[in-house]
PDB file of N, CA and C in Angstrom:
ATOM      1  N   MET A   1       8.248 -25.543 -20.083  1.00  0.00           N
ATOM      2  CA  MET A   1       9.386 -24.332 -18.938  1.00  0.00           C
ATOM      3  C   MET A   1       9.306 -23.227 -18.983  1.00  0.00           C
ATOM      4  N   GLU A   2       9.973 -22.325 -19.844  1.00  0.00           N
ATOM      5  CA  GLU A   2       9.832 -21.175 -20.811  1.00  0.00           C
ATOM      6  C   GLU A   2       8.563 -20.757 -20.312  1.00  0.00           C
ATOM      7  N   HIS A   3       7.279 -20.773 -20.635  1.00  0.00           N
ATOM      8  CA  HIS A   3       6.250 -20.677 -20.311  1.00  0.00           C
ATOM      9  C   HIS A   3       6.126 -20.023 -18.536  1.00  0.00           C
ATOM     10  N   LEU A   4       6.447 -21.238 -17.925  1.00  0.00           N
ATOM     11  CA  LEU A   4       6.653 -20.652 -16.558  1.00  0.00           C
ATOM     12  C   LEU A   4       7.163 -19.713 -16.074  1.00  0.00           C
ATOM     13  N   ALA A   5       8.512 -19.946 -16.645  1.00  0.00           N
ATOM     14  CA  ALA A   5       9.903 -18.493 -16.506  1.00  0.00           C
ATOM     15  C   ALA A   5       9.072 -17.521 -16.560  1.00  0.00           C
ATOM     16  N   SER A   6       8.761 -17.916 -17.997  1.00  0.00           N
ATOM     17  CA  SER A   6       8.120 -16.055 -18.224  1.00  0.00           C
ATOM     18  C   SER A   6       6.997 -15.581 -17.325  1.00  0.00           C
ATOM     19  N   LEU A   7       6.105 -16.382 -16.660  1.00  0.00           N
ATOM     20  CA  LEU A   7       4.972 -16.341 -16.507  1.00  0.00           C
ATOM     21  C   LEU A   7       5.366 -15.615 -14.807  1.00  0.00           C
ATOM     22  N   LEU A   8       5.838 -16.658 -14.324  1.00  0.00           N
ATOM     23  CA  LEU A   8       6.811 -16.393 -12.699  1.00  0.00           C
ATOM     24  C   LEU A   8       7.736 -15.012 -12.928  1.00  0.00           C
ATOM     25  N   GLY A   9       8.425 -14.638 -13.776  1.00  0.00           N
ATOM     26  CA  GLY A   9       9.388 -13.416 -13.790  1.00  0.00           C
ATOM     27  C   GLY A   9       8.495 -12.387 -14.445  1.00  0.00           C
ATOM     28  N   SER A  10       7.092 -12.315 -14.548  1.00  0.00           N
ATOM     29  CA  SER A  10       5.893 -10.978 -14.854  1.00  0.00           C
ATOM     30  C   SER A  10       5.246 -11.029 -13.681  1.00  0.00           C
ATOM     31  N   THR A  11       5.496 -12.059 -12.778  1.00  0.00           N
ATOM     32  CA  THR A  11       4.591 -11.564 -11.652  1.00  0.00           C
ATOM     33  C   THR A  11       5.474 -11.622 -10.984  1.00  0.00           C
ATOM     34  N   ALA A  12       6.692 -11.703 -10.557  1.00  0.00           N
ATOM     35  CA  ALA A  12       7.413 -11.116  -9.752  1.00  0.00           C
ATOM     36  C   ALA A  12       7.815  -9.350 -10.148  1.00  0.00           C
ATOM     37  N   ILE A  13       7.963  -8.948 -11.767  1.00  0.00           N
ATOM     38  CA  ILE A  13       7.795  -7.615 -11.587  1.00  0.00           C
ATOM     39  C   ILE A  13       6.807  -7.080 -11.345  1.00  0.00           C
ATOM     40  N   ALA A  14       5.461  -7.396 -11.633  1.00  0.00           N
ATOM     41  CA  ALA A  14       3.936  -6.899 -11.262  1.00  0.00           C
ATOM     42  C   ALA A  14       3.709  -6.731  -9.942  1.00  0.00           C
ATOM     43  N   VAL A  15       4.290  -8.164  -8.843  1.00  0.00           N
ATOM     44  CA  VAL A  15       3.956  -8.197  -7.164  1.00  0.00           C
ATOM     45  C   VAL A  15       5.456  -6.932  -7.443  1.00  0.00           C
ATOM     46  N   SER A  16       6.471  -6.873  -7.291  1.00  0.00           N
ATOM     47  CA  SER A  16       7.271  -5.243  -7.166  1.00  0.00           C
ATOM     48  C   SER A  16       6.988  -3.459  -7.446  1.00  0.00           C
ATOM     49  N   ILE A  17       5.488  -3.738  -8.158  1.00  0.00           N
ATOM     50  CA  ILE A  17       5.439  -2.477  -8.765  1.00  0.00           C
ATOM     51  C   ILE A  17       4.343  -2.382  -8.388  1.00  0.00           C
ATOM     52  N   LEU A  18       3.421  -3.492  -7.408  1.00  0.00           N
ATOM     53  CA  LEU A  18       2.594  -3.390  -6.865  1.00  0.00           C
ATOM     54  C   LEU A  18       2.696  -2.237  -5.338  1.00  0.00           C
ATOM     55  N   ILE A  19       3.761  -3.706  -5.008  1.00  0.00           N
ATOM     56  CA  ILE A  19       4.101  -2.936  -3.205  1.00  0.00           C
ATOM     57  C   ILE A  19       5.216  -1.515  -3.465  1.00  0.00           C
ATOM     58  N   GLY A  20       5.896  -1.783  -4.236  1.00  0.00           N
ATOM     59  CA  GLY A  20       6.730   0.296  -4.214  1.00  0.00           C
ATOM     60  C   GLY A  20       5.374   0.543  -5.037  1.00  0.00           C
ATOM     61  N   CYS A  21       4.529   1.429  -5.558  1.00  0.00           N
ATOM     62  CA  CYS A  21       3.758   1.809  -5.773  1.00  0.00           C
ATOM     63  C   CYS A  21       2.730   2.354  -4.480  1.00  0.00           C
ATOM     64  N   GLY A  22       2.832   1.177  -3.404  1.00  0.00           N
ATOM     65  CA  GLY A  22       1.595   1.359  -2.518  1.00  0.00           C
ATOM     66  C   GLY A  22       2.512   1.658  -1.154  1.00  0.00           C
ATOM     67  N   ALA A  23       3.883   1.940  -1.357  1.00  0.00           N
ATOM     68  CA  ALA A  23       4.900   2.612  -1.286  1.00  0.00           C
ATOM     69  C   ALA A  23       4.748   3.617  -1.175  1.00  0.00           C
ATOM     70  N   LEU A  24       4.882   4.078  -2.156  1.00  0.00           N
ATOM     71  CA  LEU A  24       4.835   5.632  -2.289  1.00  0.00           C
ATOM     72  C   LEU A  24       3.669   6.340  -2.021  1.00  0.00           C
ATOM     73  N   GLY A  25       2.421   5.489  -2.988  1.00  0.00           N
ATOM     74  CA  GLY A  25       1.402   6.576  -2.282  1.00  0.00           C
ATOM     75  C   GLY A  25       1.058   5.989  -0.394  1.00  0.00           C
ATOM     76  N   THR A  26       1.524   5.330   0.046  1.00  0.00           N
ATOM     77  CA  THR A  26       1.423   5.622   1.473  1.00  0.00           C
ATOM     78  C   THR A  26       1.992   6.872   1.548  1.00  0.00           C
ATOM     79  N   ALA A  27       3.901   7.201   1.441  1.00  0.00           N
ATOM     80  CA  ALA A  27       4.342   7.970   2.116  1.00  0.00           C
ATOM     81  C   ALA A  27       3.786   9.578   1.392  1.00  0.00           C
ATOM     82  N   ILE A  28       3.331   9.388  -0.246  1.00  0.00           N
ATOM     83  CA  ILE A  28       2.666  10.935  -0.506  1.00  0.00           C
ATOM     84  C   ILE A  28       1.395  11.200   0.556  1.00  0.00           C
ATOM     85  N   GLY A  29       1.022   9.830   0.738  1.00  0.00           N
ATOM     86  CA  GLY A  29      -0.481   9.851   2.239  1.00  0.00           C
ATOM     87  C   GLY A  29       0.091  10.824   3.512  1.00  0.00           C
ATOM     88  N   PHE A  30       0.819  10.091   4.137  1.00  0.00           N
ATOM     89  CA  PHE A  30       1.437  10.358   5.209  1.00  0.00           C
ATOM     90  C   PHE A  30       1.944  11.898   4.639  1.00  0.00           C
ATOM     91  N   GLY A  31       2.695  12.521   3.991  1.00  0.00           N
ATOM     92  CA  GLY A  31       3.134  13.213   3.732  1.00  0.00           C
ATOM     93  C   GLY A  31       2.015  14.578   3.750  1.00  0.00           C
ATOM     94  N   ILE A  32       1.201  14.561   3.013  1.00  0.00           N
ATOM     95  CA  ILE A  32       0.322  15.485   2.886  1.00  0.00           C
ATOM     96  C   ILE A  32      -0.309  15.664   4.342  1.00  0.00           C
ATOM     97  N   LEU A  33      -0.637  14.211   5.182  1.00  0.00           N
ATOM     98  CA  LEU A  33      -1.869  14.580   6.317  1.00  0.00           C
ATOM     99  C   LEU A  33      -0.875  14.906   7.444  1.00  0.00           C
ATOM    100  N   GLY A  34       0.664  14.935   7.819  1.00  0.00           N
ATOM    101  CA  GLY A  34       1.387  15.251   8.399  1.00  0.00           C
ATOM    102  C   GLY A  34       1.186  17.227   8.444  1.00  0.00           C
ATOM    103  N   GLY A  35       1.496  17.427   7.221  1.00  0.00           N
ATOM    104  CA  GLY A  35       1.100  18.819   6.689  1.00  0.00           C
ATOM    105  C   GLY A  35       0.195  18.931   7.086  1.00  0.00           C
ATOM    106  N   ARG A  36      -1.007  18.929   6.986  1.00  0.00           N
ATOM    107  CA  ARG A  36      -2.736  19.261   6.807  1.00  0.00           C
ATOM    108  C   ARG A  36      -3.055  19.549   8.354  1.00  0.00           C
ATOM    109  N   PHE A  37      -2.160  18.920   9.573  1.00  0.00           N
ATOM    110  CA  PHE A  37      -2.918  18.465  10.451  1.00  0.00           C
ATOM    111  C   PHE A  37      -1.594  19.681  11.288  1.00  0.00           C
ATOM    112  N   LEU A  38      -0.739  19.470  11.418  1.00  0.00           N
ATOM    113  CA  LEU A  38       0.711  21.029  11.622  1.00  0.00           C
ATOM    114  C   LEU A  38      -0.212  22.555  11.072  1.00  0.00           C
ATOM    115  N   GLU A  39      -0.717  22.432   9.568  1.00  0.00           N
ATOM    116  CA  GLU A  39      -1.480  23.618   9.744  1.00  0.00           C
ATOM    117  C   GLU A  39      -2.398  23.767  10.305  1.00  0.00           C
ATOM    118  N   GLY A  40      -3.476  22.731  10.773  1.00  0.00           N
ATOM    119  CA  GLY A  40      -4.753  22.307  11.604  1.00  0.00           C
ATOM    120  C   GLY A  40      -4.188  23.281  13.290  1.00  0.00           C
ATOM    121  N   ALA A  41      -3.346  22.700  13.339  1.00  0.00           N
ATOM    122  CA  ALA A  41      -2.650  22.791  14.663  1.00  0.00           C
ATOM    123  C   ALA A  41      -2.277  24.436  14.895  1.00  0.00           C
ATOM    124  N   ALA A  42      -2.101  24.554  14.204  1.00  0.00           N
ATOM    125  CA  ALA A  42      -0.978  26.128  13.865  1.00  0.00           C
ATOM    126  C   ALA A  42      -2.303  26.951  14.265  1.00  0.00           C
ATOM    127  N   ARG A  43      -3.360  26.729  13.082  1.00  0.00           N
ATOM    128  CA  ARG A  43      -4.447  27.680  13.260  1.00  0.00           C
ATOM    129  C   ARG A  43      -5.097  27.606  14.634  1.00  0.00           C
ATOM    130  N   GLN A  44      -5.601  26.330  14.305  1.00  0.00           N
ATOM    131  CA  GLN A  44      -6.693  26.469  16.315  1.00  0.00           C
ATOM    132  C   GLN A  44      -5.850  25.317  17.129  1.00  0.00           C
ATOM    133  N   PRO A  45      -5.337  25.898  18.103  1.00  0.00           N
ATOM    134  CA  PRO A  45      -4.079  24.770  19.058  1.00  0.00           C
ATOM    135  C   PRO A  45      -5.116  24.359  20.198  1.00  0.00           C
ATOM    136  N   GLU A  46      -6.756  24.869  20.048  1.00  0.00           N
ATOM    137  CA  GLU A  46      -7.069  24.232  21.247  1.00  0.00           C
ATOM    138  C   GLU A  46      -8.145  23.288  20.439  1.00  0.00           C
ATOM    139  N   MET A  47      -7.372  22.799  19.039  1.00  0.00           N
ATOM    140  CA  MET A  47      -8.022  21.896  18.550  1.00  0.00           C
ATOM    141  C   MET A  47      -7.477  20.353  18.464  1.00  0.00           C
ATOM    142  N   ILE A  48      -6.313  20.296  19.004  1.00  0.00           N
ATOM    143  CA  ILE A  48      -5.182  19.663  18.588  1.00  0.00           C
ATOM    144  C   ILE A  48      -6.009  18.188  18.749  1.00  0.00           C
ATOM    145  N   PRO A  49      -5.882  18.169  20.304  1.00  0.00           N
ATOM    146  CA  PRO A  49      -7.083  16.323  20.235  1.00  0.00           C
ATOM    147  C   PRO A  49      -7.147  15.589  19.596  1.00  0.00           C
ATOM    148  N   THR A  50      -8.167  16.994  19.050  1.00  0.00           N
ATOM    149  CA  THR A  50      -9.343  15.623  18.754  1.00  0.00           C
ATOM    150  C   THR A  50      -9.127  15.873  16.866  1.00  0.00           C
ATOM    151  N   LEU A  51      -7.912  17.167  16.192  1.00  0.00           N
ATOM    152  CA  LEU A  51      -6.787  16.868  15.234  1.00  0.00           C
ATOM    153  C   LEU A  51      -6.174  15.511  15.319  1.00  0.00           C
ATOM    154  N   GLN A  52      -5.544  15.241  16.369  1.00  0.00           N
ATOM    155  CA  GLN A  52      -4.575  14.035  16.313  1.00  0.00           C
ATOM    156  C   GLN A  52      -5.184  12.960  15.822  1.00  0.00           C
ATOM    157  N   VAL A  53      -6.774  12.717  16.950  1.00  0.00           N
ATOM    158  CA  VAL A  53      -7.399  11.533  17.007  1.00  0.00           C
ATOM    159  C   VAL A  53      -7.266  11.193  15.446  1.00  0.00           C
ATOM    160  N   LYS A  54      -8.484  12.451  14.887  1.00  0.00           N
ATOM    161  CA  LYS A  54      -8.704  12.086  13.809  1.00  0.00           C
ATOM    162  C   LYS A  54      -7.361  11.733  12.473  1.00  0.00           C
ATOM    163  N   MET A  55      -6.177  11.663  12.593  1.00  0.00           N
ATOM    164  CA  MET A  55      -4.732  12.256  12.074  1.00  0.00           C
ATOM    165  C   MET A  55      -4.642  10.641  11.839  1.00  0.00           C
ATOM    166  N   PHE A  56      -4.773  10.145  13.064  1.00  0.00           N
ATOM    167  CA  PHE A  56      -4.406   8.796  13.528  1.00  0.00           C
ATOM    168  C   PHE A  56      -5.088   7.276  12.963  1.00  0.00           C
ATOM    169  N   ILE A  57      -6.645   7.842  12.684  1.00  0.00           N
ATOM    170  CA  ILE A  57      -7.357   7.086  12.335  1.00  0.00           C
ATOM    171  C   ILE A  57      -7.012   7.297  10.529  1.00  0.00           C
ATOM    172  N   VAL A  58      -6.900   7.860  10.216  1.00  0.00           N
ATOM    173  CA  VAL A  58      -6.595   8.422   8.789  1.00  0.00           C
ATOM    174  C   VAL A  58      -5.326   7.681   7.834  1.00  0.00           C
ATOM    175  N   ALA A  59      -4.228   7.636   9.215  1.00  0.00           N
ATOM    176  CA  ALA A  59      -3.512   6.866   8.712  1.00  0.00           C
ATOM    177  C   ALA A  59      -3.194   5.234   8.933  1.00  0.00           C
ATOM    178  N   GLY A  60      -4.451   5.021   9.679  1.00  0.00           N
ATOM    179  CA  GLY A  60      -4.506   3.320  10.018  1.00  0.00           C
ATOM    180  C   GLY A  60      -4.994   3.218   8.780  1.00  0.00           C
ATOM    181  N   LEU A  61      -6.206   3.977   8.012  1.00  0.00           N
ATOM    182  CA  LEU A  61      -7.186   3.604   7.527  1.00  0.00           C
ATOM    183  C   LEU A  61      -5.479   3.645   6.115  1.00  0.00           C
ATOM    184  N   LEU A  62      -4.387   3.928   5.603  1.00  0.00           N
ATOM    185  CA  LEU A  62      -3.548   4.640   4.946  1.00  0.00           C
ATOM    186  C   LEU A  62      -2.756   3.200   5.063  1.00  0.00           C
ATOM    187  N   ASP A  63      -2.189   2.479   6.474  1.00  0.00           N
ATOM    188  CA  ASP A  63      -1.485   1.265   5.853  1.00  0.00           C
ATOM    189  C   ASP A  63      -2.224   0.295   5.940  1.00  0.00           C
ATOM    190  N   ALA A  64      -3.632   0.775   6.346  1.00  0.00           N
ATOM    191  CA  ALA A  64      -4.686  -1.000   5.790  1.00  0.00           C
ATOM    192  C   ALA A  64      -4.580  -1.014   3.870  1.00  0.00           C
ATOM    193  N   VAL A  65      -4.334   0.080   3.465  1.00  0.00           N
ATOM    194  CA  VAL A  65      -5.063   0.084   1.925  1.00  0.00           C
ATOM    195  C   VAL A  65      -2.887  -0.795   1.645  1.00  0.00           C
ATOM    196  N   THR A  66      -1.930  -0.059   1.891  1.00  0.00           N
ATOM    197  CA  THR A  66      -1.122  -0.754   2.048  1.00  0.00           C
ATOM    198  C   THR A  66      -0.776  -2.333   2.056  1.00  0.00           C
ATOM    199  N   MET A  67      -1.243  -2.451   3.409  1.00  0.00           N
ATOM    200  CA  MET A  67      -1.258  -3.656   3.142  1.00  0.00           C
ATOM    201  C   MET A  67      -2.270  -4.601   2.932  1.00  0.00           C
ATOM    202  N   ILE A  68      -3.090  -4.030   2.627  1.00  0.00           N
ATOM    203  CA  ILE A  68      -3.909  -5.342   1.309  1.00  0.00           C
ATOM    204  C   ILE A  68      -3.922  -5.707   0.183  1.00  0.00           C
ATOM    205  N   GLY A  69      -2.813  -3.988  -0.177  1.00  0.00           N
ATOM    206  CA  GLY A  69      -2.121  -4.146  -1.486  1.00  0.00           C
ATOM    207  C   GLY A  69      -0.539  -5.556  -1.460  1.00  0.00           C
ATOM    208  N   VAL A  70       0.081  -5.133  -0.314  1.00  0.00           N
ATOM    209  CA  VAL A  70       0.965  -6.077  -0.176  1.00  0.00           C
ATOM    210  C   VAL A  70       0.620  -8.210  -0.226  1.00  0.00           C
ATOM    211  N   GLY A  71      -0.446  -7.785   0.728  1.00  0.00           N
ATOM    212  CA  GLY A  71      -1.185  -9.307   1.281  1.00  0.00           C
ATOM    213  C   GLY A  71      -1.536  -9.842  -0.195  1.00  0.00           C
ATOM    214  N   ILE A  72      -1.873  -9.006  -1.423  1.00  0.00           N
ATOM    215  CA  ILE A  72      -2.441  -9.837  -2.484  1.00  0.00           C
ATOM    216  C   ILE A  72      -1.457  -9.821  -3.294  1.00  0.00           C
ATOM    217  N   GLY A  73      -0.037  -8.796  -3.303  1.00  0.00           N
ATOM    218  CA  GLY A  73       1.215  -9.314  -4.105  1.00  0.00           C
ATOM    219  C   GLY A  73       2.029 -10.480  -3.531  1.00  0.00           C
ATOM    220  N   LEU A  74       1.936 -10.868  -2.169  1.00  0.00           N
ATOM    221  CA  LEU A  74       2.225 -12.042  -1.445  1.00  0.00           C
ATOM    222  C   LEU A  74       1.630 -13.334  -2.110  1.00  0.00           C
ATOM    223  N   PHE A  75       0.833 -13.036  -2.165  1.00  0.00           N
ATOM    224  CA  PHE A  75      -0.284 -14.287  -2.637  1.00  0.00           C
ATOM    225  C   PHE A  75      -0.023 -14.697  -4.663  1.00  0.00           C
ATOM    226  N   LEU A  76      -0.076 -13.536  -4.923  1.00  0.00           N
ATOM    227  CA  LEU A  76       0.472 -13.620  -6.247  1.00  0.00           C
ATOM    228  C   LEU A  76       1.656 -14.263  -6.393  1.00  0.00           C
ATOM    229  N   LEU A  77       2.998 -14.001  -6.155  1.00  0.00           N
ATOM    230  CA  LEU A  77       3.928 -14.809  -5.564  1.00  0.00           C
ATOM    231  C   LEU A  77       4.126 -15.552  -4.849  1.00  0.00           C
ATOM    232  N   PHE A  78       3.837 -16.243  -3.649  1.00  0.00           N
ATOM    233  CA  PHE A  78       3.800 -17.726  -3.312  1.00  0.00           C
ATOM    234  C   PHE A  78       2.969 -18.719  -3.641  1.00  0.00           C
ATOM    235  N   ALA A  79       1.659 -18.182  -4.186  1.00  0.00           N
ATOM    236  CA  ALA A  79       0.732 -18.623  -4.826  1.00  0.00           C
ATOM    237  C   ALA A  79      -0.315 -17.742  -5.765  1.00  0.00           C
ATOM    238  N   ASN A  80       0.527 -18.335  -7.013  1.00  0.00           N
ATOM    239  CA  ASN A  80       0.458 -17.902  -8.602  1.00  0.00           C
ATOM    240  C   ASN A  80      -1.019 -18.720  -8.986  1.00  0.00           C
ATOM    241  N   PRO A  81      -2.158 -18.380  -8.588  1.00  0.00           N
ATOM    242  CA  PRO A  81      -3.287 -19.029  -9.637  1.00  0.00           C
ATOM    243  C   PRO A  81      -3.172 -18.946 -10.744  1.00  0.00           C
ATOM    244  N   PHE A  82      -1.880 -18.628 -11.642  1.00  0.00           N
ATOM    245  CA  PHE A  82      -2.093 -18.698 -13.205  1.00  0.00           C
ATOM    246  C   PHE A  82      -1.166 -19.847 -13.817  1.00  0.00           C
ATOM    247  N   VAL A  83      -0.574 -20.262 -12.481  1.00  0.00           N
ATOM    248  CA  VAL A  83       0.097 -21.705 -12.748  1.00  0.00           C
ATOM    249  C   VAL A  83      -0.648 -22.891 -12.930  1.00  0.00           C
ATOM    250  N   PRO A  84      -1.387 -23.158 -12.666  1.00  0.00           N
ATOM    251  CA  PRO A  84      -2.138 -24.451 -12.851  1.00  0.00           C
ATOM    252  C   PRO A  84      -2.733 -24.338 -14.390  1.00  0.00           C
ATOM    253  N   MET A  85      -3.393 -22.544 -15.066  1.00  0.00           N
ATOM    254  CA  MET A  85      -3.439 -23.068 -16.141  1.00  0.00           C
ATOM    255  C   MET A  85      -2.694 -23.074 -17.435  1.00  0.00           C
ATOM    256  N   LEU A  86      -1.150 -23.065 -17.136  1.00  0.00           N
ATOM    257  CA  LEU A  86      -0.254 -23.225 -18.021  1.00  0.00           C
ATOM    258  C   LEU A  86       0.191 -25.135 -18.469  1.00  0.00           C
ATOM    259  N   LYS A  87      -0.580 -25.236 -17.508  1.00  0.00           N
ATOM    260  CA  LYS A  87      -0.268 -27.178 -17.773  1.00  0.00           C
ATOM    261  C   LYS A  87      -1.320 -27.403 -17.821  1.00  0.00           C
ATOM    262  N   GLY A  88      -2.289 -26.809 -17.919  1.00  0.00           N
ATOM    263  CA  GLY A  88      -3.817 -27.740 -18.722  1.00  0.00           C
ATOM    264  C   GLY A  88      -4.036 -27.438 -19.577  1.00  0.00           C
TER     265      GLY A  88
END
């Protein structure tokens, strides 16, 4: 029973780190992306529509990577594949 509690506790810590680092990375990425978009728009105002489309594509990719991390974290949290190894 102690091994199971240790495994579940370690998994919860790992999932917390995974989701937290994903959120931090996305926040930094959005900050850089928004800053570069504003710089490009200030330098060439006629390119704003093109830059805006590209910005939204990259923003979607940033969110997709984070959502994959959240999905993996939730899988490990609720359907831990390591629990059957303890029983065997």
